[in-house]
Amino acid sequence: MQTQKHHSIEKQNHPERISTYKPNIWKYDHLLSLTSQYSEGKYKVEAEKLKEEVSWEFSKSVSSPVAQLELVDRIDKLGLSGYFEVETKKALENTIMYMKSYYSRSKEEEDLYATALCFRLLREHGYPASQGPHHQLNY
């Protein structure tokens, strides 16, 4: 038989560090005091100009639901969806209307890429999309 060794563990006021973790030196007040060259007016003007260009891209791609979905997807992946909530909502609602009319007119073979992209984006943005036959959109 093996003999078991029991070690008594003493309570310590400070737990023993297991890793080499060091506390963060950046305090919240210090972070707020930092300035950036990108907060200058010229960068704000440039950012507004770029937002207008993206908004124009939404209006330009109205005739192609797949192009609108791809634009929404790129904006989401860049983390900029907060700036284009209205345009994204309108694009997704246009896509829903297109998909409803498309499936009521035709039962032809679907474009798998477009269907998958549509389904994923609708779900990610809180729209109900059925997994059933012909991907019924419950909106």
Protein backbone atom coordinates (compact mmCIF):
# COMPACT_ATOMS: atom_id res chain seq x y z
CA MET A 1 0.00 0.00 0.00
CA GLN A 2 1.04 3.48 -0.70
CA THR A 3 1.29 5.91 2.06
CA GLN A 4 -0.31 9.26 1.49
CA LYS A 5 1.42 12.39 2.57
CA HIS A 6 -0.78 15.15 3.81
CA HIS A 7 0.50 18.65 3.72
CA SER A 8 -1.13 21.30 5.76
CA ILE A 9 -1.94 24.43 3.85
CA GLU A 10 -1.51 27.57 5.83
CA LYS A 11 -3.83 30.44 5.16
CA GLN A 12 -1.99 33.41 3.82
CA ASN A 13 -3.12 36.99 3.58
CA HIS A 14 -1.92 37.26 -0.01
CA PRO A 15 -2.46 34.40 -2.45
CA GLU A 16 0.65 33.07 -4.05
CA ARG A 17 1.10 34.13 -7.65
CA ILE A 18 1.06 31.25 -10.06
CA SER A 19 1.92 33.19 -13.19
CA THR A 20 3.91 36.26 -13.99
CA TYR A 21 0.80 38.45 -14.33
CA LYS A 22 1.42 42.09 -13.61
CA PRO A 23 -1.40 44.53 -12.89
CA ASN A 24 -2.35 46.99 -15.60
CA ILE A 25 -0.50 50.29 -15.32
CA TRP A 26 -3.12 52.20 -17.35
CA LYS A 27 -5.66 53.90 -15.14
CA TYR A 28 -9.01 55.04 -16.52
CA ASP A 29 -8.33 58.72 -15.80
CA HIS A 30 -5.01 58.48 -17.61
CA LEU A 31 -6.67 56.96 -20.68
CA LEU A 32 -9.20 59.81 -20.77
CA SER A 33 -6.40 62.36 -20.67
CA LEU A 34 -4.67 60.96 -23.76
CA THR A 35 -5.05 62.88 -26.99
CA SER A 36 -4.92 61.61 -30.52
CA GLN A 37 -4.00 63.27 -33.75
CA TYR A 38 -7.10 61.61 -35.24
CA SER A 39 -9.45 63.72 -33.12
CA GLU A 40 -8.55 66.79 -35.15
CA GLY A 41 -11.13 68.40 -37.41
CA LYS A 42 -9.58 67.26 -40.68
CA TYR A 43 -9.97 63.59 -39.70
CA LYS A 44 -13.57 64.14 -38.61
CA VAL A 45 -14.34 65.71 -41.99
CA GLU A 46 -12.67 62.79 -43.77
CA ALA A 47 -14.65 60.28 -41.67
CA GLU A 48 -17.92 62.03 -42.54
CA LYS A 49 -16.98 61.99 -46.22
CA LEU A 50 -16.30 58.23 -46.06
CA LYS A 51 -19.63 57.63 -44.27
CA GLU A 52 -21.41 59.48 -47.08
CA GLU A 53 -19.62 57.32 -49.66
CA VAL A 54 -20.76 54.14 -47.91
CA SER A 55 -24.32 55.47 -47.70
CA TRP A 56 -24.15 56.15 -51.43
CA GLU A 57 -22.98 52.56 -51.99
CA PHE A 58 -26.15 51.37 -50.26
CA SER A 59 -28.34 53.42 -52.60
CA LYS A 60 -26.32 52.33 -55.64
CA SER A 61 -26.73 48.62 -54.82
CA VAL A 62 -30.53 48.76 -54.37
CA SER A 63 -31.12 46.83 -57.60
CA SER A 64 -29.03 43.87 -56.43
CA PRO A 65 -30.03 42.22 -53.16
CA VAL A 66 -26.83 40.15 -53.12
CA ALA A 67 -24.70 43.30 -53.49
CA GLN A 68 -26.59 44.89 -50.60
CA LEU A 69 -26.08 41.81 -48.45
CA GLU A 70 -22.37 41.75 -49.25
CA LEU A 71 -22.10 45.42 -48.31
CA VAL A 72 -23.90 44.80 -45.01
CA ASP A 73 -21.60 41.84 -44.38
CA ARG A 74 -18.43 43.87 -45.03
CA ILE A 75 -19.63 46.70 -42.80
CA ASP A 76 -20.43 44.21 -40.01
CA LYS A 77 -17.02 42.57 -40.32
CA LEU A 78 -15.28 45.95 -40.09
CA GLY A 79 -17.22 46.73 -36.92
CA LEU A 80 -18.87 49.79 -38.46
CA SER A 81 -22.49 48.64 -38.35
CA GLY A 82 -23.32 51.17 -35.64
CA TYR A 83 -22.74 53.99 -38.12
CA PHE A 84 -25.06 52.49 -40.73
CA GLU A 85 -27.97 51.07 -38.74
CA VAL A 86 -30.65 52.80 -40.83
CA GLU A 87 -29.09 51.75 -44.15
CA THR A 88 -28.57 48.19 -42.91
CA LYS A 89 -32.17 47.89 -41.74
CA LYS A 90 -33.48 49.22 -45.05
CA ALA A 91 -31.21 46.86 -47.03
CA LEU A 92 -32.35 43.83 -45.01
CA GLU A 93 -36.01 44.79 -45.35
CA ASN A 94 -35.55 45.23 -49.12
CA THR A 95 -33.96 41.79 -49.22
CA ILE A 96 -36.88 40.30 -47.31
CA MET A 97 -39.34 41.80 -49.78
CA TYR A 98 -37.28 40.58 -52.73
CA MET A 99 -36.98 37.07 -51.30
CA LYS A 100 -40.72 36.86 -50.62
CA SER A 101 -41.58 37.91 -54.17
CA TYR A 102 -38.85 35.72 -55.67
CA TYR A 103 -40.05 32.57 -53.94
CA SER A 104 -43.68 33.28 -54.76
CA ARG A 105 -42.81 33.64 -58.48
CA SER A 106 -40.30 30.87 -58.97
CA LYS A 107 -39.18 27.62 -57.41
CA GLU A 108 -36.01 27.44 -59.49
CA GLU A 109 -32.69 26.32 -58.06
CA GLU A 110 -31.45 28.85 -55.54
CA ASP A 111 -28.07 30.51 -55.38
CA LEU A 112 -26.58 28.81 -52.32
CA TYR A 113 -24.16 31.66 -51.55
CA ALA A 114 -26.86 34.34 -51.66
CA THR A 115 -29.29 32.24 -49.64
CA ALA A 116 -26.71 31.43 -46.95
CA LEU A 117 -25.56 35.05 -46.74
CA CYS A 118 -29.15 36.27 -46.52
CA PHE A 119 -30.09 33.75 -43.85
CA ARG A 120 -27.02 34.51 -41.71
CA LEU A 121 -27.37 38.29 -41.90
CA LEU A 122 -31.09 38.24 -41.19
CA ARG A 123 -30.50 36.06 -38.13
CA GLU A 124 -27.57 38.19 -36.92
CA HIS A 125 -29.67 41.34 -37.16
CA GLY A 126 -32.63 39.86 -35.31
CA TYR A 127 -34.97 39.09 -38.19
CA PRO A 128 -36.80 35.75 -38.02
CA ALA A 129 -35.83 33.49 -40.92
CA SER A 130 -37.18 29.95 -41.12
CA GLN A 131 -34.96 27.01 -41.94
CA GLY A 132 -37.90 25.34 -43.65
CA PRO A 133 -38.40 24.69 -47.35
CA HIS A 134 -37.91 27.73 -49.56
CA HIS A 135 -36.59 29.67 -46.56
CA GLN A 136 -39.81 31.34 -45.60
CA LEU A 137 -39.20 34.75 -44.19
CA ASN A 138 -41.48 35.41 -41.25
CA TYR A 139 -41.51 39.18 -41.22
